[in-house]
Amino acid sequence: MGSNGTYYDEHWRFMEWRDRRRNWNWAAASTFGGWLAYRRMYPAAALFVIWLGLLVTLAVNGVLLWPLVVAQLVALLALGAYGNVLYMMRFRRAALKAAQGDGQHQDRLDALARSGGTSRLGVYLMGIAGLAAATAAVVVTYWVRGSIVLNY
């Protein structure tokens, strides 16, 4: 789990004890998907970048901004509510894979440690990908339409 391992251990135990499928995570809700990349959930982070690119594309093509803001807030609230569950599922898959691996117990623990942890590089790459997606949306819209329309 890398940093904050005790946080996740406590929250996952609480969730199992209460038989809950959601548990609030401020970091997941407030980082616009950066938490996904930080926690090495790269496919989900890529989907979030695509989502943000779609919102920017709609915005520069004249769709009203307030429904897009509401849609983004709903996505952030969902990520905050279900982020701990997503991370728990990822951890369990990695633990099961490591447990089924060959070698000594310590070798399996080392494999699990390598598959987990955090990645600041992932956050930077996600930020670059997000900027690239937004820039591409603006450039392609301007190239195709000849103008950009923002409706408030």
N, C-alpha and C. Protein backbone atom coordinates (compact mmCIF):
# COMPACT_ATOMS: atom_id res chain seq x y z
N MET A 1 0.81 -1.20 0.00
CA MET A 1 0.00 0.00 0.00
C MET A 1 0.85 1.25 0.00
N GLY A 2 2.08 1.13 0.40
CA GLY A 2 2.93 2.31 0.42
C GLY A 2 2.55 3.24 1.55
N SER A 3 2.57 4.53 1.27
CA SER A 3 2.26 5.50 2.31
C SER A 3 0.79 5.39 2.72
N ASN A 4 0.52 5.71 3.94
CA ASN A 4 -0.84 5.66 4.52
C ASN A 4 -1.41 4.25 4.59
N GLY A 5 -0.57 3.26 4.75
CA GLY A 5 -1.05 1.89 4.84
C GLY A 5 -1.99 1.68 6.01
N THR A 6 -1.71 2.32 7.14
CA THR A 6 -2.61 2.15 8.29
C THR A 6 -3.97 2.79 8.04
N TYR A 7 -3.99 3.90 7.29
CA TYR A 7 -5.27 4.53 6.95
C TYR A 7 -6.16 3.55 6.21
N TYR A 8 -5.60 2.91 5.17
CA TYR A 8 -6.40 2.00 4.36
C TYR A 8 -6.77 0.74 5.15
N ASP A 9 -5.84 0.24 5.95
CA ASP A 9 -6.14 -0.93 6.77
C ASP A 9 -7.33 -0.64 7.69
N GLU A 10 -7.31 0.51 8.36
CA GLU A 10 -8.41 0.87 9.26
C GLU A 10 -9.73 1.05 8.51
N HIS A 11 -9.69 1.73 7.39
CA HIS A 11 -10.92 1.98 6.63
C HIS A 11 -11.47 0.70 6.01
N TRP A 12 -10.59 -0.16 5.51
CA TRP A 12 -11.07 -1.42 4.94
C TRP A 12 -11.67 -2.31 6.01
N ARG A 13 -11.07 -2.34 7.21
CA ARG A 13 -11.64 -3.13 8.31
C ARG A 13 -13.00 -2.57 8.71
N PHE A 14 -13.09 -1.26 8.80
CA PHE A 14 -14.37 -0.64 9.14
C PHE A 14 -15.44 -0.98 8.11
N MET A 15 -15.06 -0.91 6.83
CA MET A 15 -16.01 -1.22 5.77
C MET A 15 -16.49 -2.67 5.87
N GLU A 16 -15.58 -3.59 6.11
CA GLU A 16 -15.97 -4.98 6.23
C GLU A 16 -16.80 -5.23 7.48
N TRP A 17 -16.43 -4.58 8.57
CA TRP A 17 -17.17 -4.75 9.82
C TRP A 17 -18.61 -4.26 9.68
N ARG A 18 -18.78 -3.14 8.97
CA ARG A 18 -20.11 -2.56 8.76
C ARG A 18 -20.79 -3.08 7.49
N ASP A 19 -20.10 -3.94 6.74
CA ASP A 19 -20.62 -4.47 5.47
C ASP A 19 -21.02 -3.33 4.54
N ARG A 20 -20.09 -2.38 4.36
CA ARG A 20 -20.34 -1.22 3.51
C ARG A 20 -19.50 -1.32 2.25
N ARG A 21 -20.01 -0.76 1.19
CA ARG A 21 -19.31 -0.74 -0.09
C ARG A 21 -18.81 0.64 -0.45
N ARG A 22 -18.93 1.57 0.45
CA ARG A 22 -18.37 2.90 0.19
C ARG A 22 -17.84 3.47 1.49
N ASN A 23 -16.87 4.35 1.34
CA ASN A 23 -16.24 4.99 2.48
C ASN A 23 -15.54 6.23 1.94
N TRP A 24 -15.76 7.36 2.53
CA TRP A 24 -15.29 8.62 1.97
C TRP A 24 -13.77 8.73 2.00
N ASN A 25 -13.21 9.22 0.88
CA ASN A 25 -11.78 9.44 0.76
C ASN A 25 -11.59 10.84 0.16
N TRP A 26 -11.13 11.77 1.00
CA TRP A 26 -10.96 13.16 0.56
C TRP A 26 -9.93 13.29 -0.56
N ALA A 27 -8.86 12.53 -0.47
CA ALA A 27 -7.82 12.62 -1.51
C ALA A 27 -8.38 12.20 -2.87
N ALA A 28 -9.17 11.16 -2.89
CA ALA A 28 -9.76 10.71 -4.16
C ALA A 28 -10.71 11.75 -4.71
N ALA A 29 -11.48 12.40 -3.84
CA ALA A 29 -12.49 13.35 -4.28
C ALA A 29 -11.91 14.69 -4.72
N SER A 30 -10.78 15.06 -4.18
CA SER A 30 -10.32 16.44 -4.39
C SER A 30 -9.14 16.59 -5.35
N THR A 31 -8.69 15.52 -5.97
CA THR A 31 -7.50 15.63 -6.82
C THR A 31 -7.78 15.43 -8.30
N PHE A 32 -9.04 15.48 -8.70
CA PHE A 32 -9.41 15.37 -10.12
C PHE A 32 -8.79 14.14 -10.78
N GLY A 33 -8.81 13.03 -10.06
CA GLY A 33 -8.30 11.78 -10.61
C GLY A 33 -6.83 11.55 -10.36
N GLY A 34 -6.12 12.54 -9.87
CA GLY A 34 -4.69 12.38 -9.59
C GLY A 34 -4.42 11.29 -8.56
N TRP A 35 -5.35 11.12 -7.63
CA TRP A 35 -5.22 10.08 -6.61
C TRP A 35 -5.17 8.70 -7.26
N LEU A 36 -5.92 8.50 -8.33
CA LEU A 36 -5.92 7.21 -9.03
C LEU A 36 -4.52 6.91 -9.57
N ALA A 37 -3.90 7.89 -10.19
CA ALA A 37 -2.55 7.70 -10.72
C ALA A 37 -1.55 7.53 -9.58
N TYR A 38 -1.71 8.29 -8.50
CA TYR A 38 -0.81 8.20 -7.36
C TYR A 38 -0.85 6.80 -6.75
N ARG A 39 -2.03 6.22 -6.69
CA ARG A 39 -2.20 4.88 -6.12
C ARG A 39 -2.03 3.77 -7.16
N ARG A 40 -1.51 4.14 -8.33
CA ARG A 40 -1.14 3.21 -9.39
C ARG A 40 -2.33 2.45 -9.98
N MET A 41 -3.47 3.09 -10.02
CA MET A 41 -4.65 2.53 -10.68
C MET A 41 -4.74 3.19 -12.06
N TYR A 42 -3.80 2.83 -12.90
CA TYR A 42 -3.61 3.51 -14.18
C TYR A 42 -4.78 3.40 -15.14
N PRO A 43 -5.43 2.24 -15.28
CA PRO A 43 -6.59 2.20 -16.18
C PRO A 43 -7.71 3.17 -15.75
N ALA A 44 -7.99 3.23 -14.46
CA ALA A 44 -9.01 4.16 -13.97
C ALA A 44 -8.56 5.61 -14.17
N ALA A 45 -7.28 5.89 -13.97
CA ALA A 45 -6.76 7.24 -14.20
C ALA A 45 -6.88 7.62 -15.67
N ALA A 46 -6.62 6.68 -16.56
CA ALA A 46 -6.76 6.95 -18.00
C ALA A 46 -8.22 7.25 -18.34
N LEU A 47 -9.15 6.51 -17.75
CA LEU A 47 -10.57 6.79 -17.98
C LEU A 47 -10.95 8.18 -17.49
N PHE A 48 -10.36 8.59 -16.36
CA PHE A 48 -10.66 9.92 -15.83
C PHE A 48 -10.12 11.01 -16.75
N VAL A 49 -8.95 10.79 -17.34
CA VAL A 49 -8.40 11.76 -18.30
C VAL A 49 -9.30 11.84 -19.52
N ILE A 50 -9.78 10.70 -19.99
CA ILE A 50 -10.71 10.71 -21.13
C ILE A 50 -11.98 11.47 -20.76
N TRP A 51 -12.49 11.25 -19.55
CA TRP A 51 -13.68 11.97 -19.07
C TRP A 51 -13.44 13.48 -19.09
N LEU A 52 -12.30 13.90 -18.55
CA LEU A 52 -11.99 15.33 -18.52
C LEU A 52 -11.85 15.89 -19.94
N GLY A 53 -11.23 15.12 -20.83
CA GLY A 53 -11.11 15.54 -22.22
C GLY A 53 -12.47 15.69 -22.89
N LEU A 54 -13.38 14.77 -22.57
CA LEU A 54 -14.74 14.86 -23.11
C LEU A 54 -15.44 16.12 -22.61
N LEU A 55 -15.28 16.43 -21.34
CA LEU A 55 -15.91 17.64 -20.80
C LEU A 55 -15.36 18.90 -21.46
N VAL A 56 -14.05 18.95 -21.66
CA VAL A 56 -13.45 20.11 -22.32
C VAL A 56 -13.94 20.21 -23.76
N THR A 57 -14.01 19.06 -24.45
CA THR A 57 -14.50 19.05 -25.83
C THR A 57 -15.92 19.59 -25.90
N LEU A 58 -16.77 19.14 -25.00
CA LEU A 58 -18.15 19.64 -24.98
C LEU A 58 -18.20 21.13 -24.67
N ALA A 59 -17.35 21.56 -23.74
CA ALA A 59 -17.36 22.98 -23.35
C ALA A 59 -16.95 23.88 -24.50
N VAL A 60 -15.91 23.50 -25.24
CA VAL A 60 -15.45 24.38 -26.32
C VAL A 60 -16.33 24.27 -27.56
N ASN A 61 -17.25 23.32 -27.56
CA ASN A 61 -18.19 23.19 -28.67
C ASN A 61 -19.54 23.81 -28.37
N GLY A 62 -19.62 24.61 -27.33
CA GLY A 62 -20.82 25.37 -27.08
C GLY A 62 -21.82 24.78 -26.10
N VAL A 63 -21.53 23.65 -25.49
CA VAL A 63 -22.44 23.10 -24.48
C VAL A 63 -22.37 23.99 -23.25
N LEU A 64 -23.50 24.22 -22.63
CA LEU A 64 -23.55 25.05 -21.42
C LEU A 64 -22.58 24.52 -20.37
N LEU A 65 -21.88 25.42 -19.70
CA LEU A 65 -20.87 25.01 -18.73
C LEU A 65 -21.46 24.45 -17.44
N TRP A 66 -22.59 24.98 -16.97
CA TRP A 66 -23.07 24.54 -15.67
C TRP A 66 -23.45 23.07 -15.64
N PRO A 67 -24.04 22.47 -16.69
CA PRO A 67 -24.27 21.02 -16.61
C PRO A 67 -22.96 20.22 -16.61
N LEU A 68 -21.95 20.74 -17.28
CA LEU A 68 -20.65 20.06 -17.29
C LEU A 68 -20.00 20.12 -15.92
N VAL A 69 -20.14 21.26 -15.24
CA VAL A 69 -19.61 21.39 -13.88
C VAL A 69 -20.34 20.44 -12.94
N VAL A 70 -21.66 20.35 -13.08
CA VAL A 70 -22.44 19.42 -12.25
C VAL A 70 -22.00 17.98 -12.52
N ALA A 71 -21.80 17.63 -13.79
CA ALA A 71 -21.34 16.27 -14.14
C ALA A 71 -19.98 15.98 -13.52
N GLN A 72 -19.08 16.96 -13.54
CA GLN A 72 -17.76 16.77 -12.94
C GLN A 72 -17.87 16.63 -11.43
N LEU A 73 -18.72 17.41 -10.80
CA LEU A 73 -18.91 17.29 -9.35
C LEU A 73 -19.46 15.92 -8.98
N VAL A 74 -20.39 15.41 -9.76
CA VAL A 74 -20.93 14.07 -9.51
C VAL A 74 -19.82 13.03 -9.65
N ALA A 75 -18.98 13.16 -10.66
CA ALA A 75 -17.87 12.22 -10.84
C ALA A 75 -16.90 12.28 -9.66
N LEU A 76 -16.61 13.48 -9.18
CA LEU A 76 -15.70 13.62 -8.04
C LEU A 76 -16.33 13.05 -6.77
N LEU A 77 -17.62 13.28 -6.57
CA LEU A 77 -18.30 12.72 -5.40
C LEU A 77 -18.31 11.19 -5.46
N ALA A 78 -18.55 10.63 -6.63
CA ALA A 78 -18.53 9.17 -6.77
C ALA A 78 -17.14 8.62 -6.50
N LEU A 79 -16.11 9.29 -7.00
CA LEU A 79 -14.75 8.84 -6.75
C LEU A 79 -14.41 8.94 -5.27
N GLY A 80 -14.84 10.00 -4.61
CA GLY A 80 -14.61 10.13 -3.18
C GLY A 80 -15.33 9.06 -2.38
N ALA A 81 -16.54 8.72 -2.79
CA ALA A 81 -17.33 7.73 -2.06
C ALA A 81 -16.84 6.31 -2.29
N TYR A 82 -16.36 6.01 -3.48
CA TYR A 82 -15.99 4.64 -3.82
C TYR A 82 -14.49 4.43 -4.05
N GLY A 83 -13.68 5.45 -3.79
CA GLY A 83 -12.24 5.33 -3.99
C GLY A 83 -11.60 4.26 -3.13
N ASN A 84 -11.96 4.20 -1.86
CA ASN A 84 -11.39 3.19 -0.98
C ASN A 84 -11.75 1.78 -1.42
N VAL A 85 -12.95 1.61 -1.95
CA VAL A 85 -13.37 0.28 -2.45
C VAL A 85 -12.55 -0.09 -3.68
N LEU A 86 -12.36 0.86 -4.59
CA LEU A 86 -11.55 0.60 -5.78
C LEU A 86 -10.13 0.19 -5.40
N TYR A 87 -9.58 0.89 -4.44
CA TYR A 87 -8.21 0.59 -4.02
C TYR A 87 -8.14 -0.75 -3.30
N MET A 88 -9.15 -1.07 -2.50
CA MET A 88 -9.19 -2.36 -1.82
C MET A 88 -9.26 -3.50 -2.83
N MET A 89 -10.06 -3.33 -3.86
CA MET A 89 -10.17 -4.37 -4.89
C MET A 89 -8.83 -4.55 -5.62
N ARG A 90 -8.16 -3.44 -5.91
CA ARG A 90 -6.86 -3.53 -6.57
C ARG A 90 -5.86 -4.25 -5.66
N PHE A 91 -5.84 -3.91 -4.38
CA PHE A 91 -4.92 -4.53 -3.43
C PHE A 91 -5.20 -6.03 -3.32
N ARG A 92 -6.46 -6.41 -3.23
CA ARG A 92 -6.79 -7.83 -3.10
C ARG A 92 -6.39 -8.63 -4.34
N ARG A 93 -6.58 -8.05 -5.52
CA ARG A 93 -6.13 -8.74 -6.74
C ARG A 93 -4.62 -8.94 -6.73
N ALA A 94 -3.88 -7.90 -6.34
CA ALA A 94 -2.42 -8.00 -6.29
C ALA A 94 -1.98 -9.00 -5.23
N ALA A 95 -2.65 -9.02 -4.08
CA ALA A 95 -2.29 -9.96 -3.01
C ALA A 95 -2.57 -11.39 -3.43
N LEU A 96 -3.69 -11.62 -4.11
CA LEU A 96 -4.02 -12.96 -4.58
C LEU A 96 -3.00 -13.43 -5.62
N LYS A 97 -2.64 -12.54 -6.52
CA LYS A 97 -1.65 -12.89 -7.54
C LYS A 97 -0.30 -13.22 -6.90
N ALA A 98 0.10 -12.42 -5.91
CA ALA A 98 1.37 -12.67 -5.23
C ALA A 98 1.32 -13.97 -4.44
N ALA A 99 0.18 -14.26 -3.82
CA ALA A 99 0.05 -15.49 -3.03
C ALA A 99 0.10 -16.73 -3.90
N GLN A 100 -0.35 -16.62 -5.14
CA GLN A 100 -0.34 -17.76 -6.04
C GLN A 100 0.98 -17.91 -6.79
N GLY A 101 1.89 -16.98 -6.56
CA GLY A 101 3.18 -17.02 -7.25
C GLY A 101 4.09 -18.10 -6.69
N ASP A 102 5.14 -18.38 -7.44
CA ASP A 102 6.12 -19.37 -7.03
C ASP A 102 7.15 -18.73 -6.11
N GLY A 103 7.91 -19.54 -5.44
CA GLY A 103 9.01 -19.05 -4.62
C GLY A 103 8.68 -19.06 -3.15
N GLN A 104 9.62 -18.54 -2.39
CA GLN A 104 9.49 -18.48 -0.94
C GLN A 104 8.51 -17.37 -0.53
N HIS A 105 8.11 -17.41 0.70
CA HIS A 105 7.17 -16.42 1.23
C HIS A 105 7.71 -15.00 1.05
N GLN A 106 8.98 -14.81 1.34
CA GLN A 106 9.58 -13.48 1.23
C GLN A 106 9.58 -13.00 -0.22
N ASP A 107 9.79 -13.92 -1.17
CA ASP A 107 9.74 -13.56 -2.59
C ASP A 107 8.36 -13.07 -2.98
N ARG A 108 7.33 -13.72 -2.45
CA ARG A 108 5.95 -13.31 -2.76
C ARG A 108 5.65 -11.95 -2.13
N LEU A 109 6.15 -11.73 -0.91
CA LEU A 109 5.95 -10.41 -0.27
C LEU A 109 6.66 -9.32 -1.05
N ASP A 110 7.85 -9.61 -1.55
CA ASP A 110 8.58 -8.63 -2.36
C ASP A 110 7.83 -8.32 -3.66
N ALA A 111 7.24 -9.35 -4.28
CA ALA A 111 6.47 -9.14 -5.51
C ALA A 111 5.24 -8.28 -5.23
N LEU A 112 4.61 -8.51 -4.08
CA LEU A 112 3.44 -7.70 -3.70
C LEU A 112 3.86 -6.25 -3.46
N ALA A 113 4.98 -6.04 -2.80
CA ALA A 113 5.46 -4.68 -2.55
C ALA A 113 5.79 -3.95 -3.85
N ARG A 114 6.36 -4.66 -4.82
CA ARG A 114 6.68 -4.04 -6.11
C ARG A 114 5.42 -3.66 -6.88
N SER A 115 4.35 -4.43 -6.73
CA SER A 115 3.12 -4.14 -7.47
C SER A 115 2.29 -3.04 -6.83
N GLY A 116 2.57 -2.72 -5.59
CA GLY A 116 1.79 -1.70 -4.89
C GLY A 116 2.54 -0.40 -4.75
N GLY A 117 2.24 0.31 -3.69
CA GLY A 117 2.91 1.56 -3.44
C GLY A 117 2.28 2.73 -4.17
N THR A 118 3.04 3.78 -4.27
CA THR A 118 2.54 5.00 -4.88
C THR A 118 3.46 5.43 -6.03
N SER A 119 2.98 6.35 -6.83
CA SER A 119 3.76 6.81 -7.98
C SER A 119 3.52 8.30 -8.21
N ARG A 120 4.49 9.10 -7.86
CA ARG A 120 4.41 10.52 -8.19
C ARG A 120 4.56 10.74 -9.68
N LEU A 121 5.37 9.90 -10.31
CA LEU A 121 5.54 9.98 -11.75
C LEU A 121 4.20 9.77 -12.46
N GLY A 122 3.39 8.83 -11.94
CA GLY A 122 2.07 8.60 -12.51
C GLY A 122 1.20 9.84 -12.46
N VAL A 123 1.29 10.59 -11.37
CA VAL A 123 0.51 11.82 -11.24
C VAL A 123 0.97 12.85 -12.27
N TYR A 124 2.29 12.99 -12.41
CA TYR A 124 2.82 13.95 -13.39
C TYR A 124 2.39 13.56 -14.81
N LEU A 125 2.51 12.27 -15.12
CA LEU A 125 2.11 11.81 -16.45
C LEU A 125 0.62 12.00 -16.69
N MET A 126 -0.19 11.80 -15.65
CA MET A 126 -1.63 12.02 -15.81
C MET A 126 -1.91 13.50 -16.05
N GLY A 127 -1.21 14.37 -15.33
CA GLY A 127 -1.38 15.81 -15.56
C GLY A 127 -1.00 16.21 -16.97
N ILE A 128 0.09 15.66 -17.47
CA ILE A 128 0.52 15.95 -18.83
C ILE A 128 -0.51 15.42 -19.83
N ALA A 129 -1.01 14.20 -19.57
CA ALA A 129 -2.02 13.63 -20.47
C ALA A 129 -3.30 14.46 -20.45
N GLY A 130 -3.69 14.95 -19.28
CA GLY A 130 -4.88 15.80 -19.18
C GLY A 130 -4.71 17.10 -19.95
N LEU A 131 -3.55 17.72 -19.80
CA LEU A 131 -3.29 18.95 -20.55
C LEU A 131 -3.26 18.69 -22.05
N ALA A 132 -2.68 17.56 -22.44
CA ALA A 132 -2.64 17.22 -23.86
C ALA A 132 -4.04 16.98 -24.40
N ALA A 133 -4.88 16.30 -23.62
CA ALA A 133 -6.27 16.05 -24.06
C ALA A 133 -7.04 17.35 -24.19
N ALA A 134 -6.89 18.26 -23.22
CA ALA A 134 -7.60 19.54 -23.27
C ALA A 134 -7.10 20.38 -24.44
N THR A 135 -5.80 20.40 -24.64
CA THR A 135 -5.22 21.17 -25.75
C THR A 135 -5.70 20.61 -27.08
N ALA A 136 -5.70 19.29 -27.20
CA ALA A 136 -6.16 18.66 -28.44
C ALA A 136 -7.62 18.99 -28.70
N ALA A 137 -8.44 18.99 -27.65
CA ALA A 137 -9.86 19.31 -27.82
C ALA A 137 -10.04 20.73 -28.34
N VAL A 138 -9.28 21.66 -27.79
CA VAL A 138 -9.39 23.06 -28.21
C VAL A 138 -8.87 23.23 -29.64
N VAL A 139 -7.71 22.66 -29.93
CA VAL A 139 -7.10 22.82 -31.26
C VAL A 139 -7.97 22.18 -32.34
N VAL A 140 -8.45 20.96 -32.09
CA VAL A 140 -9.27 20.29 -33.10
C VAL A 140 -10.58 21.04 -33.30
N THR A 141 -11.18 21.52 -32.23
CA THR A 141 -12.42 22.28 -32.36
C THR A 141 -12.19 23.55 -33.17
N TYR A 142 -11.13 24.25 -32.87
CA TYR A 142 -10.83 25.48 -33.62
C TYR A 142 -10.53 25.17 -35.08
N TRP A 143 -9.82 24.08 -35.33
CA TRP A 143 -9.45 23.70 -36.69
C TRP A 143 -10.69 23.31 -37.50
N VAL A 144 -11.61 22.57 -36.87
CA VAL A 144 -12.80 22.10 -37.58
C VAL A 144 -13.82 23.21 -37.72
N ARG A 145 -14.11 23.94 -36.64
CA ARG A 145 -15.18 24.93 -36.64
C ARG A 145 -14.71 26.33 -37.00
N GLY A 146 -13.44 26.60 -36.81
CA GLY A 146 -12.94 27.94 -37.07
C GLY A 146 -13.14 28.89 -35.91
N SER A 147 -13.77 28.42 -34.84
CA SER A 147 -13.98 29.27 -33.65
C SER A 147 -14.27 28.37 -32.47
N ILE A 148 -14.20 28.99 -31.31
CA ILE A 148 -14.53 28.29 -30.07
C ILE A 148 -15.67 29.04 -29.42
N VAL A 149 -16.68 28.32 -28.97
CA VAL A 149 -17.86 28.92 -28.36
C VAL A 149 -17.96 28.44 -26.92
N LEU A 150 -17.97 29.39 -26.00
CA LEU A 150 -18.20 29.05 -24.59
C LEU A 150 -19.52 29.67 -24.15
N ASN A 151 -20.41 28.82 -23.68
CA ASN A 151 -21.71 29.29 -23.18
C ASN A 151 -21.76 29.10 -21.69
N TYR A 152 -22.11 30.18 -21.00
CA TYR A 152 -22.20 30.12 -19.55
C TYR A 152 -23.61 29.84 -19.18
